[in-house]
Amino acid sequence: MSMAQERFVSIEEFYAMRGKTDNLLEYVDGVVFMSPSPSVKHQRISSRLHAKLFAFLEGKKSDCEVFHAPFTLHAFLSV
């Protein structure tokens, strides 16, 4: 079985691709990945974790916020 060849795309191309699909796409180092739908077990665990973290932080004087996925995150590594 052969592997698909990676095609590098710009961030602009990625945003254009995202606007044309309902699929969850991820952009990592110029490569676009399509994420599969999470399982029911994953969703249960994720929901419970979100609720517990939200309850823990509620009322505390903190800049921390809890967001439930999917959520767009732009991470930059400075070396």
Protein backbone atom coordinates (compact mmCIF):
# COMPACT_ATOMS: atom_id res chain seq x y z
CA MET A 1 0.00 0.00 0.00
CA SER A 2 1.45 3.38 -0.93
CA MET A 3 1.28 6.46 1.24
CA ALA A 4 -0.33 9.62 -0.10
CA GLN A 5 2.22 12.28 -0.82
CA GLU A 6 2.02 15.32 1.45
CA ARG A 7 1.05 18.54 -0.27
CA PHE A 8 2.16 21.69 1.50
CA VAL A 9 -0.34 24.55 1.47
CA SER A 10 -0.24 28.12 2.69
CA ILE A 11 -2.35 29.24 5.62
CA GLU A 12 -4.47 31.23 3.15
CA GLU A 13 -5.15 28.08 1.11
CA PHE A 14 -6.06 26.26 4.32
CA TYR A 15 -8.62 28.90 5.33
CA ALA A 16 -10.13 28.74 1.83
CA MET A 17 -10.39 24.95 2.13
CA ARG A 18 -12.07 25.23 5.54
CA GLY A 19 -14.68 27.56 4.11
CA LYS A 20 -15.73 24.93 1.55
CA THR A 21 -16.28 21.93 3.86
CA ASP A 22 -18.00 20.90 7.06
CA ASN A 23 -15.18 18.44 7.82
CA LEU A 24 -12.88 19.18 10.73
CA LEU A 25 -9.53 20.12 9.22
CA GLU A 26 -6.25 20.69 11.03
CA TYR A 27 -3.23 22.58 9.72
CA VAL A 28 0.18 21.48 10.98
CA ASP A 29 3.40 22.80 9.47
CA GLY A 30 1.82 23.38 6.07
CA VAL A 31 0.07 20.00 5.89
CA VAL A 32 -3.72 19.66 6.13
CA PHE A 33 -5.20 16.73 8.04
CA MET A 34 -8.84 15.71 8.17
CA SER A 35 -9.84 14.64 11.67
CA PRO A 36 -12.28 11.78 12.08
CA SER A 37 -15.40 12.23 14.18
CA PRO A 38 -14.76 11.41 17.85
CA SER A 39 -16.30 8.32 19.41
CA VAL A 40 -19.19 8.40 21.88
CA LYS A 41 -16.79 7.36 24.68
CA HIS A 42 -14.46 10.24 23.78
CA GLN A 43 -17.34 12.72 23.80
CA ARG A 44 -18.56 11.53 27.22
CA ILE A 45 -15.09 11.86 28.74
CA SER A 46 -14.50 15.21 27.06
CA SER A 47 -17.86 16.60 28.24
CA ARG A 48 -17.31 15.49 31.84
CA LEU A 49 -13.79 16.89 31.91
CA HIS A 50 -15.04 20.20 30.51
CA ALA A 51 -17.79 20.40 33.15
CA LYS A 52 -15.38 19.66 36.01
CA LEU A 53 -12.79 22.19 34.82
CA PHE A 54 -15.50 24.82 34.32
CA ALA A 55 -16.93 24.20 37.81
CA PHE A 56 -13.44 24.36 39.35
CA LEU A 57 -12.63 27.71 37.72
CA GLU A 58 -16.06 29.30 38.19
CA GLY A 59 -15.91 32.16 40.68
CA LYS A 60 -12.11 32.14 40.91
CA LYS A 61 -10.20 35.28 40.09
CA SER A 62 -8.34 33.91 37.12
CA ASP A 63 -7.81 34.67 33.46
CA CYS A 64 -8.22 30.95 32.68
CA GLU A 65 -11.15 29.91 30.52
CA VAL A 66 -12.38 26.48 29.49
CA PHE A 67 -13.48 25.92 25.90
CA HIS A 68 -14.99 22.78 24.48
CA ALA A 69 -13.54 21.54 21.19
CA PRO A 70 -13.50 22.12 18.33
CA PHE A 71 -11.85 25.45 18.86
CA THR A 72 -9.50 27.31 16.54
CA LEU A 73 -6.10 27.75 18.11
CA HIS A 74 -3.15 29.52 16.57
CA ALA A 75 0.06 28.31 18.21
CA PHE A 76 3.43 29.70 17.24
CA LEU A 77 6.77 28.28 18.29
CA SER A 78 9.54 30.79 18.68
CA VAL A 79 13.00 29.26 18.62
